[in-house]
Amino acid sequence: MSEPQETSQSLEETPNRRKDEWKSEEIDQLATALSLSQAEIKGAKTSSVNPFFNSKYADLNAVMEACLPALSKNGLSVIQGNRFCQTTNGFYVTTTLMHKSGQWLRSEIRMPIGGKKDAHAIGAANTYGRRYGLAAMVGIAQMDDDGNGATDRAPRKNSDYKTGVQA
């Protein structure tokens, strides 16, 4: 059984990174199990509302509910963690997909820390990173207009998020 290798470097820091830092030597069994899982996974439900942007989105729980039963059924599990890199001053969320055989695949996303850069900002960046990382790793489609919070676009003013009609 191969173990994930710990690394203090991000994708950004290691343009010529070694393949074994981001996946096990073999991933054939993991790929088969993921393919079977993806055949069962439906899109994540947009059940949360962002009142600031008057938008609906699939939150982390919806993404997890959409994929964990199928992943588990096929011998797959997910762990997610985070780290701060002093070299790049970056906050990273790491997602590792593991198969019961010991095979694994890892992805990492650098998340911006907005606002006051306090615990709330770290928590929000972590939650966004976990949601995006998991959805990308297992191929979940999300109807997500909540990502507007990560842009410079101003929030919609008094519009109905269902119709888009300005009030």
Foldseek 3Di string as FASTA:
>chain_A
DDDADDDLDACVRCVPDDPSNFWPPDCVLVVVLLVQQLVQFAAFDQDDADVQQLATKRFQVSLCVRRVVSQVVSQKDKDKDWDARPVVRWIKIKIKIAGNVGIIGIDMDTFDQDDPNDPVSSVVRRRVRSSVRSCVVSVHDMPDPVCCVVDPDGHDACANNVPRDHD
